[in-house]
Protein backbone atom coordinates (compact mmCIF):
# COMPACT_ATOMS: atom_id res chain seq x y z
CA MET A 1 -16.42 1.10 24.89
CA ILE A 2 -19.51 -0.06 26.76
CA GLU A 3 -17.85 1.27 29.92
CA VAL A 4 -17.44 4.76 28.45
CA VAL A 5 -21.02 4.94 27.21
CA ALA A 6 -22.28 3.61 30.56
CA LEU A 7 -20.16 6.18 32.41
CA LEU A 8 -21.65 9.03 30.38
CA GLY A 9 -25.17 7.62 30.78
CA VAL A 10 -24.89 7.32 34.55
CA ALA A 11 -23.34 10.79 34.75
CA ALA A 12 -26.27 12.16 32.71
CA LEU A 13 -28.76 10.68 35.19
CA VAL A 14 -26.81 12.13 38.12
CA ALA A 15 -26.56 15.51 36.36
CA PHE A 16 -30.31 15.54 35.74
CA GLY A 17 -30.98 14.85 39.40
CA VAL A 18 -28.74 17.69 40.62
CA ARG A 19 -29.17 20.00 37.63
CA LYS A 20 -30.21 23.00 39.75
CA ARG A 21 -27.10 22.78 41.93
CA LEU A 22 -24.68 24.39 39.49
CA ALA A 23 -21.48 23.73 41.42
CA VAL A 24 -22.25 20.01 41.61
CA VAL A 25 -23.69 19.48 38.13
CA GLY A 26 -20.88 21.41 36.44
CA THR A 27 -18.22 19.38 38.25
CA VAL A 28 -19.93 16.07 37.49
CA THR A 29 -20.35 16.91 33.81
CA LEU A 30 -16.79 18.10 33.23
CA ALA A 31 -15.33 15.17 35.19
CA ALA A 32 -17.35 12.64 33.15
CA LEU A 33 -16.34 14.24 29.83
CA ALA A 34 -12.68 14.42 30.87
CA ALA A 35 -12.75 10.76 31.93
CA ALA A 36 -14.34 9.76 28.61
CA ILE A 37 -11.65 11.63 26.65
CA ALA A 38 -8.89 10.00 28.71
CA ILE A 39 -10.31 6.51 28.15
CA VAL A 40 -10.62 7.11 24.41
CA VAL A 41 -7.03 8.39 24.18
CA LEU A 42 -5.63 5.46 26.20
CA MET A 43 -7.69 2.82 24.39
CA PRO A 44 -5.58 0.66 22.03
CA MET A 45 -5.90 1.53 18.37
CA ASP A 46 -8.14 -0.84 16.40
CA ALA A 47 -9.75 -2.09 19.61
CA SER A 48 -13.09 -3.73 18.91
CA GLY A 49 -15.93 -5.56 20.62
CA ASP A 50 -19.70 -5.68 20.96
CA VAL A 51 -22.19 -3.35 22.66
CA LEU A 52 -25.61 -4.98 23.08
CA GLU A 53 -24.61 -7.40 20.28
CA LEU A 54 -23.68 -4.48 18.03
CA PRO A 55 -20.05 -4.53 16.81
CA TRP A 56 -17.83 -1.48 17.39
CA HIS A 57 -14.31 -0.54 16.31
CA MET A 58 -11.99 2.24 17.48
CA SER A 59 -10.50 3.59 14.25
CA GLU A 60 -8.02 6.43 13.88
CA LEU A 61 -10.76 8.76 12.68
CA ALA A 62 -13.04 7.75 15.57
CA ARG A 63 -10.33 8.60 18.10
CA LEU A 64 -9.52 11.96 16.48
CA ALA A 65 -13.17 12.98 16.11
CA ALA A 66 -14.01 11.84 19.66
CA VAL A 67 -11.22 13.96 21.14
CA VAL A 68 -12.21 17.01 19.06
CA LEU A 69 -15.96 16.75 19.64
CA LEU A 70 -15.80 15.80 23.32
CA GLY A 71 -13.23 18.54 23.87
CA THR A 72 -15.62 20.99 22.24
CA LEU A 73 -18.36 19.76 24.56
CA CYS A 74 -16.11 20.40 27.56
CA LEU A 75 -15.64 24.01 26.47
CA LEU A 76 -19.38 24.40 25.94
CA VAL A 77 -20.17 23.03 29.39
CA LEU A 78 -17.59 25.34 30.96
CA ALA A 79 -19.08 28.36 29.17
CA VAL A 80 -22.63 27.49 30.22
CA TRP A 81 -21.55 26.80 33.80
CA VAL A 82 -19.77 30.13 34.19
CA ASP A 83 -21.71 32.58 32.04
CA GLU A 84 -25.13 31.25 31.00
CA PRO A 85 -26.58 28.77 33.52
CA ALA A 86 -29.09 26.48 31.81
CA TYR A 87 -30.04 23.57 34.03
CA ASN A 88 -31.08 21.16 31.30
CA PHE A 89 -27.90 21.72 29.28
CA PHE A 90 -25.64 19.57 31.48
CA PRO A 91 -27.48 16.22 31.24
CA THR A 92 -28.19 16.96 27.58
CA ALA A 93 -24.48 17.48 26.90
CA LEU A 94 -23.62 14.14 28.55
CA VAL A 95 -26.24 12.24 26.54
CA VAL A 96 -24.97 13.92 23.36
CA ALA A 97 -21.42 12.84 24.31
CA ALA A 98 -22.57 9.23 24.61
CA VAL A 99 -24.33 9.48 21.25
CA VAL A 100 -21.22 10.98 19.61
CA LEU A 101 -19.08 8.08 20.81
CA ALA A 102 -21.67 5.54 19.65
CA VAL A 103 -21.87 7.12 16.18
CA LEU A 104 -18.09 7.19 15.82
CA VAL A 105 -17.34 3.60 16.86
CA LEU A 106 -20.37 1.52 15.81
CA THR A 107 -19.95 -0.40 12.55
CA THR A 108 -23.58 -1.26 11.73
CA PRO A 109 -25.11 1.43 9.49
CA ILE A 110 -28.63 1.28 10.87
CA ALA A 111 -27.29 1.38 14.46
CA ILE A 112 -25.17 4.43 13.62
CA TYR A 113 -28.18 6.15 12.14
CA GLY A 114 -30.42 5.28 15.06
CA ALA A 115 -27.91 6.64 17.58
CA LEU A 116 -27.50 9.81 15.53
CA LEU A 117 -31.26 10.31 15.38
CA LEU A 118 -31.44 10.03 19.17
CA GLY A 119 -28.72 12.64 19.60
CA LEU A 120 -30.41 15.09 17.25
CA LEU A 121 -33.79 14.81 18.97
CA ILE A 122 -32.68 14.98 22.61
CA PRO A 123 -31.85 18.73 22.57
CA VAL A 124 -35.44 19.44 21.50
CA GLY A 125 -36.51 18.82 25.08
CA SER A 126 -34.03 21.35 26.39
CA PHE A 127 -35.20 23.96 23.89
CA THR A 128 -38.89 23.41 24.68
CA PHE A 129 -38.54 23.38 28.45
CA GLN A 130 -37.02 26.88 28.40
CA VAL A 131 -39.75 28.66 26.44
CA HIS A 132 -39.98 31.39 29.07
CA ARG A 133 -36.33 32.26 28.35
CA ASN A 134 -35.91 31.97 24.60
CA ARG A 135 -39.25 31.71 22.74
CA SER A 136 -37.94 28.49 21.24
CA ALA A 137 -41.08 26.34 21.08
CA GLU A 138 -41.62 26.88 17.35
CA ALA A 139 -37.92 26.37 16.66
CA ALA A 140 -37.98 23.11 18.62
CA TYR A 141 -41.08 21.81 16.82
CA ARG A 142 -39.70 22.66 13.39
CA HIS A 143 -36.34 21.10 14.25
CA PHE A 144 -38.14 17.99 15.46
CA SER A 145 -40.13 17.79 12.22
CA PHE A 146 -37.09 18.06 9.98
CA VAL A 147 -35.05 15.55 11.97
CA ALA A 148 -37.95 13.11 12.28
CA LEU A 149 -38.66 13.28 8.54
CA GLY A 150 -35.01 12.71 7.73
CA GLY A 151 -34.89 9.91 10.29
CA CYS A 152 -37.81 8.06 8.73
CA LEU A 153 -36.34 8.38 5.24
CA GLY A 154 -32.86 7.28 6.32
CA LEU A 155 -33.97 4.35 8.44
CA SER A 156 -36.20 3.11 5.60
CA ALA A 157 -33.41 3.36 3.04
CA LEU A 158 -30.89 1.56 5.26
CA ALA A 159 -33.37 -1.16 6.25
CA LEU A 160 -34.23 -1.84 2.60
CA SER A 161 -30.57 -1.81 1.62
CA ALA A 162 -29.75 -4.41 4.27
CA SER A 163 -32.69 -6.67 3.35
CA LEU A 164 -32.37 -6.60 -0.44
CA GLY A 165 -30.05 -8.95 -2.26
CA ARG A 166 -27.25 -7.55 -4.40
CA ASP A 167 -28.88 -9.04 -7.50
CA GLN A 168 -31.37 -6.16 -7.62
CA PRO A 169 -31.30 -3.71 -10.57
CA PRO A 170 -28.79 -0.87 -10.08
CA SER A 171 -31.61 1.66 -10.19
CA THR A 172 -32.96 0.22 -6.92
CA PHE A 173 -29.79 0.99 -5.00
CA VAL A 174 -29.46 4.36 -6.71
CA LEU A 175 -32.92 5.26 -5.38
CA LEU A 176 -31.89 4.17 -1.89
CA VAL A 177 -28.76 6.34 -2.06
CA VAL A 178 -30.82 9.33 -3.21
CA ILE A 179 -33.22 8.86 -0.29
CA LEU A 180 -30.26 8.57 2.11
CA VAL A 181 -28.67 11.75 0.73
CA VAL A 182 -31.93 13.68 1.14
CA ALA A 183 -32.30 12.33 4.68
CA PHE A 184 -28.88 13.62 5.67
CA ALA A 185 -29.44 16.91 3.85
CA LEU A 186 -32.46 17.52 6.09
CA LYS A 187 -30.37 16.97 9.23
CA LEU A 188 -27.37 18.97 8.00
CA ALA A 189 -29.60 21.95 7.12
CA ALA A 190 -28.16 21.86 3.61
CA ILE A 191 -29.80 24.30 1.21
CA PRO A 192 -32.67 24.01 0.17
CA PHE A 193 -33.45 22.00 3.36
CA HIS A 194 -32.29 24.80 5.65
CA THR A 195 -35.45 26.65 6.66
CA HIS A 196 -35.37 25.41 10.26
CA ALA A 197 -31.79 26.68 10.68
CA ALA A 198 -32.80 30.35 10.45
CA LEU A 199 -35.43 29.92 13.17
CA LEU A 200 -32.97 28.03 15.37
CA ALA A 201 -30.42 30.82 14.94
CA SER A 202 -32.93 33.46 16.07
CA GLU A 203 -34.72 31.77 18.96
CA VAL A 204 -32.48 29.11 20.52
CA PRO A 205 -29.96 30.03 23.25
CA ALA A 206 -26.42 30.49 21.94
CA SER A 207 -25.13 27.53 23.96
CA ALA A 208 -27.79 25.18 22.53
CA LEU A 209 -27.09 26.51 19.05
CA ALA A 210 -23.38 25.80 19.55
CA LEU A 211 -24.24 22.29 20.74
CA TYR A 212 -26.14 21.66 17.51
CA PHE A 213 -23.88 23.29 14.92
CA GLY A 214 -20.61 22.79 16.79
CA VAL A 215 -20.99 19.15 17.83
CA LEU A 216 -24.04 17.42 16.36
CA VAL A 217 -23.76 18.70 12.79
CA PRO A 218 -20.09 17.59 12.39
CA THR A 219 -21.08 14.24 13.93
CA THR A 220 -23.89 13.97 11.37
CA PHE A 221 -21.50 14.62 8.51
CA ILE A 222 -19.05 11.98 9.76
CA ALA A 223 -21.93 9.53 10.17
CA PHE A 224 -22.96 10.17 6.56
CA ALA A 225 -19.49 9.29 5.27
CA GLN A 226 -19.24 6.21 7.52
CA ILE A 227 -22.66 4.91 6.49
CA LEU A 228 -21.76 5.26 2.81
CA VAL A 229 -18.69 3.12 3.43
CA LEU A 230 -20.30 0.48 5.65
CA SER A 231 -23.59 0.10 3.78
CA GLY A 232 -22.02 -1.07 0.52
CA LEU A 233 -23.93 1.59 -1.44
CA LEU A 234 -20.87 3.42 -2.77
CA PRO A 235 -20.50 1.30 -5.95
CA ALA A 236 -24.03 2.40 -6.92
CA ILE A 237 -22.81 6.00 -6.96
CA VAL A 238 -20.02 5.04 -9.35
CA SER A 239 -22.21 2.93 -11.61
CA ILE A 240 -24.73 5.69 -12.23
CA GLY A 241 -23.36 9.21 -12.17
CA LYS A 242 -26.67 10.91 -11.41
CA VAL A 243 -26.23 10.25 -7.68
CA GLN A 244 -22.81 11.88 -7.77
CA ASP A 245 -24.32 14.80 -9.68
CA LEU A 246 -26.97 15.14 -6.94
CA LEU A 247 -24.30 15.32 -4.24
CA LEU A 248 -22.30 17.86 -6.23
CA ALA A 249 -25.36 20.01 -6.89
CA LEU A 250 -26.41 19.87 -3.25
CA GLY A 251 -22.91 20.79 -2.11
CA ILE A 252 -22.46 23.70 -4.52
CA THR A 253 -25.94 25.04 -3.78
CA SER A 254 -25.26 24.93 -0.04
CA ALA A 255 -21.80 26.48 -0.42
CA LEU A 256 -22.98 29.39 -2.57
CA GLY A 257 -26.35 29.82 -0.87
CA GLY A 258 -24.89 29.72 2.63
CA ALA A 259 -22.23 32.27 1.67
CA PHE A 260 -24.76 34.66 0.12
CA LEU A 261 -27.13 34.32 3.09
CA ALA A 262 -24.25 35.00 5.47
CA THR A 263 -23.28 38.07 3.45
CA GLY A 264 -26.80 39.46 3.73
CA SER A 265 -27.17 38.78 7.46
CA THR A 266 -26.80 41.43 10.13
CA GLU A 267 -27.16 39.13 13.15
CA LEU A 268 -23.95 37.57 14.41
CA ARG A 269 -25.63 34.23 15.04
CA ARG A 270 -26.94 34.00 11.50
CA VAL A 271 -23.54 34.90 10.07
CA ALA A 272 -22.03 32.00 12.01
CA VAL A 273 -24.80 29.52 11.15
CA TYR A 274 -24.86 30.35 7.43
CA SER A 275 -21.06 30.16 7.35
CA VAL A 276 -21.38 26.62 8.75
CA ILE A 277 -23.87 25.73 6.00
CA ALA A 278 -21.53 27.16 3.35
CA ASN A 279 -18.59 25.15 4.69
CA LEU A 280 -20.60 21.95 4.88
CA GLY A 281 -21.59 22.54 1.26
CA GLN A 282 -17.89 22.56 0.37
CA ALA A 283 -17.44 19.38 2.40
CA LEU A 284 -20.28 17.69 0.47
CA VAL A 285 -18.51 18.63 -2.76
CA GLY A 286 -15.34 17.03 -1.40
CA ILE A 287 -17.19 13.78 -0.67
CA ALA A 288 -18.92 13.90 -4.07
CA THR A 289 -15.62 14.03 -5.95
CA LEU A 290 -14.99 10.47 -4.68
CA SER A 291 -11.28 11.21 -4.41
CA GLY A 292 -8.72 10.89 -1.64
CA PRO A 293 -7.94 14.62 -1.31
CA GLY A 294 -11.64 15.49 -1.52
CA ILE A 295 -12.56 13.10 1.29
CA ILE A 296 -9.68 14.26 3.49
CA GLY A 297 -10.61 17.89 2.91
CA ALA A 298 -14.29 17.24 3.56
CA MET A 299 -13.76 15.55 6.91
CA ALA A 300 -11.24 18.19 7.98
CA ILE A 301 -13.64 21.00 7.07
CA ALA A 302 -16.46 19.37 9.05
CA LEU A 303 -14.41 19.01 12.24
CA VAL A 304 -12.77 22.44 12.11
CA THR A 305 -16.04 24.17 11.22
CA GLY A 306 -17.65 22.69 14.32
CA MET A 307 -14.90 24.14 16.52
CA ALA A 308 -15.13 27.55 14.83
CA ALA A 309 -18.94 27.54 15.10
CA THR A 310 -18.73 26.88 18.83
CA GLN A 311 -16.25 29.72 19.19
CA GLN A 312 -18.34 32.21 17.23
CA LEU A 313 -21.76 31.29 18.63
CA LEU A 314 -20.62 31.53 22.24
CA ALA A 315 -19.02 34.89 21.48
CA ALA A 316 -22.18 36.08 19.72
CA GLY A 317 -24.30 35.11 22.72
CA THR A 318 -22.02 37.01 25.09
CA LEU A 319 -22.02 40.10 22.89
CA GLU A 320 -25.83 40.06 22.67
CA ARG A 321 -26.30 39.72 26.43
CA ARG A 322 -23.80 42.50 27.16
CA ALA A 323 -25.39 44.79 24.57
CA GLY A 324 -28.90 44.57 26.02
CA VAL A 325 -31.24 46.52 23.72
CA GLY A 326 -28.36 47.99 21.70
CA ARG A 327 -26.28 46.48 18.92
CA PRO A 328 -23.54 44.00 19.89
CA SER A 329 -20.28 45.88 20.25
CA ALA A 330 -16.71 45.24 21.31
CA THR A 331 -17.13 48.10 23.78
CA ASN A 332 -19.06 45.86 26.17
CA ALA A 333 -17.17 42.58 25.67
CA PRO A 334 -13.83 43.05 23.87
CA LEU A 335 -12.55 39.50 24.44
CA ALA A 336 -15.75 37.95 23.11
CA ALA A 337 -15.57 40.27 20.09
CA LEU A 338 -11.99 39.17 19.45
CA ALA A 339 -13.04 35.52 19.76
CA PHE A 340 -15.76 36.03 17.14
CA VAL A 341 -13.29 37.66 14.74
CA VAL A 342 -10.58 34.99 15.04
CA GLY A 343 -13.27 32.32 14.67
CA GLY A 344 -13.95 33.83 11.27
CA PHE A 345 -10.36 33.00 10.26
CA ALA A 346 -11.12 29.31 10.78
CA MET A 347 -14.44 29.58 8.93
CA ILE A 348 -12.72 30.80 5.76
CA GLY A 349 -9.80 28.35 6.07
CA ALA A 350 -7.10 30.97 6.55
CA PRO A 351 -3.49 29.79 7.00
CA PRO A 352 -1.64 28.96 9.21
CA LEU A 353 -4.64 27.44 11.00
CA VAL A 354 -5.39 23.74 10.50
CA ALA A 355 -8.57 24.89 8.73
CA PHE A 356 -6.47 25.74 5.66
CA PRO A 357 -5.59 22.20 4.39
CA GLY A 358 -9.22 21.09 4.27
CA HIS A 359 -10.38 24.04 2.16
CA PHE A 360 -7.27 23.83 0.00
CA PHE A 361 -7.75 20.12 -0.76
CA VAL A 362 -11.44 20.48 -1.61
CA GLU A 363 -11.02 23.55 -3.81
CA LEU A 364 -8.00 22.04 -5.55
CA ILE A 365 -9.77 18.78 -6.37
CA ALA A 366 -12.87 20.74 -7.41
CA TYR A 367 -10.77 22.68 -9.92
CA SER A 368 -9.28 19.48 -11.30
CA TYR A 369 -12.79 18.01 -11.53
CA SER A 370 -14.28 21.07 -13.23
CA ALA A 371 -13.09 24.67 -13.59
CA TRP A 372 -16.54 26.13 -12.96
CA MET A 373 -16.96 24.01 -9.84
CA GLY A 374 -13.67 25.19 -8.40
CA THR A 375 -14.60 28.77 -9.22
CA ALA A 376 -17.95 28.34 -7.46
CA LEU A 377 -16.23 27.15 -4.27
CA VAL A 378 -13.78 30.06 -4.37
CA ILE A 379 -16.71 32.47 -4.76
CA ALA A 380 -18.39 30.78 -1.77
CA THR A 381 -15.24 31.23 0.32
CA LEU A 382 -15.05 34.89 -0.70
CA GLY A 383 -18.71 35.31 0.28
CA VAL A 384 -18.04 33.89 3.75
CA LEU A 385 -14.99 36.17 3.99
CA VAL A 386 -17.09 39.24 3.16
CA ALA A 387 -19.73 38.19 5.70
CA GLN A 388 -17.14 37.73 8.43
CA LEU A 389 -15.50 41.07 7.62
CA ARG A 390 -18.85 42.88 7.72
CA ALA A 391 -19.63 41.32 11.09
CA ALA A 392 -16.19 42.25 12.46
CA MET A 393 -16.56 45.85 11.26
CA ALA A 394 -19.99 46.08 12.88
CA ILE A 395 -18.64 44.80 16.19
CA PHE A 396 -15.70 47.20 16.20
CA ARG A 397 -17.64 50.11 14.69
CA THR A 398 -16.99 52.36 17.67
CA ALA A 399 -13.88 52.33 19.82
CA PRO A 400 -14.28 53.17 23.52
CA ASP A 401 -12.09 55.65 25.33
CA ARG A 402 -10.86 52.84 27.51
CA TRP A 403 -11.00 49.10 26.87
CA ARG A 404 -12.39 47.15 29.81
CA VAL A 405 -12.37 43.36 29.86
CA GLU A 406 -15.80 41.92 30.57
CA ARG A 407 -16.51 40.63 34.08
CA LYS A 408 -16.86 37.00 32.94
CA PRO A 409 -14.59 36.62 29.89
CA ILE A 410 -15.38 32.92 29.40
CA ALA A 411 -16.31 33.34 25.71
CA GLY A 412 -12.96 35.01 25.09
CA ILE A 413 -11.13 32.26 26.97
CA VAL A 414 -12.93 29.54 25.01
CA GLY A 415 -12.15 31.40 21.78
CA GLY A 416 -8.49 31.64 22.75
CA LEU A 417 -8.29 27.91 23.51
CA VAL A 418 -9.94 26.98 20.22
CA PHE A 419 -7.69 29.35 18.28
CA ALA A 420 -4.59 27.94 20.00
CA ALA A 421 -5.67 24.38 19.13
CA LEU A 422 -6.27 25.30 15.49
CA LEU A 423 -2.93 27.11 15.33
CA ILE A 424 -1.02 24.16 16.81
CA GLY A 425 -2.82 21.85 14.39
CA GLY A 426 -1.81 24.11 11.51
CA VAL A 427 1.85 24.06 12.55
CA GLN A 428 1.80 20.27 13.01
CA PRO A 429 -0.99 19.07 10.70
CA ASP A 430 0.07 15.41 10.45
CA GLY A 431 -1.58 14.42 13.71
CA PHE A 432 -4.85 15.85 12.46
CA LEU A 433 -4.76 14.77 8.82
CA GLN A 434 -3.29 11.25 9.08
CA PRO A 435 -6.31 9.69 10.83
CA ILE A 436 -8.57 11.30 8.23
CA ALA A 437 -6.32 9.97 5.44
CA ALA A 438 -6.71 6.45 6.89
CA PHE A 439 -10.48 6.82 6.61
CA ALA A 440 -10.10 8.11 3.04
CA ASP A 441 -8.26 4.87 2.16
CA GLN A 442 -11.12 2.87 3.64
CA PHE A 443 -13.62 4.98 1.67
CA LEU A 444 -11.78 4.38 -1.62
CA ARG A 445 -11.53 0.62 -0.96
CA ALA A 446 -15.29 0.50 -0.41
CA LEU A 447 -15.77 2.56 -3.57
CA HIS A 448 -13.84 0.07 -5.71
CA PRO A 449 -14.18 -3.34 -4.04
CA LEU A 450 -11.99 -6.10 -5.39
């Protein structure tokens, strides 16, 4: 694993040096990402070792998530290279790829959290350095503040948890879990800690927004679940139900609030971002049920939502650029418009896409946990559905006399590839769900240690 991280790090340095030579930097970035994916796929299952004296382990979930997230990064790099050249994006994407791999394979909670914090802060530089293009300075500073605050809280909680003996009163560990939950809520933009997300959606380039919500946010959610397992804090959640109630309340609030905010939004970017927040709220509910189906559904929702967010945000950016001063319309970019619409199918968990099992598992276990909770999640899904339908109707409000494919249909191509992957996963879901089920078993063993 040290070889893969080193490869991505060296490639990032090379990409930074040649970042203004698009033909070279694009080739280097895609080649490095493709090589990293190949190495991860060919690596023996359950391989382990040390990186800088930090233990790592290639689990089934780590392999699945690495392929999905690095594959998403490849599509993002291709879209930026072809349609929206941004010089700083290429080295940033490679550093984020290295961080994603580190988060997925490291087995020390504080190391996972430190790597995640690095990955969340690196894009701030890219946002700030392009102020003349996107007015993103305030968005970058606010993002930095939220991530830094969450980083301080999380690192403190994990450091105290590792240093304290297990003979401490249960209330001590409950407090640490609460602090850890709040820390991750800040980074996930969970409601009510979402105020920086709206500014990001308005001012950050679509490609950078897709990098954050399509790759880094799913990675953050996976890191949260892994840290709960590896830190030994899960029994504290069982012993005192208030922590579980906090997670459930946070999840339901995010699910309903994100859906309602998406319904009231007229900007395509905000519809996509608030749909992500609503889905992550459902995923938090799945984790909070502390059940096998809930955990499987939660992790599946997080990964699929990241792919759908990438698809929709790239399409939204293309539609906005083609529209100029007018409203985004399918008239100017029909393939991008179609990509945005089919991305909405994944956001709501529509069958036969692989997005369906995750939403089904979470809503089913929520109903068995509490009827009102299951109803709340169904209402949230309906809210996201209404928001996506309103956005689709706005895009296709007027039909041109003659449909003309846009000159650079990269957003449509990316959307087609993502949709095809989700469709194949829905037809053959075992390859996607089995690695997540293996992690769910590990989660339940940590929840009830012998």
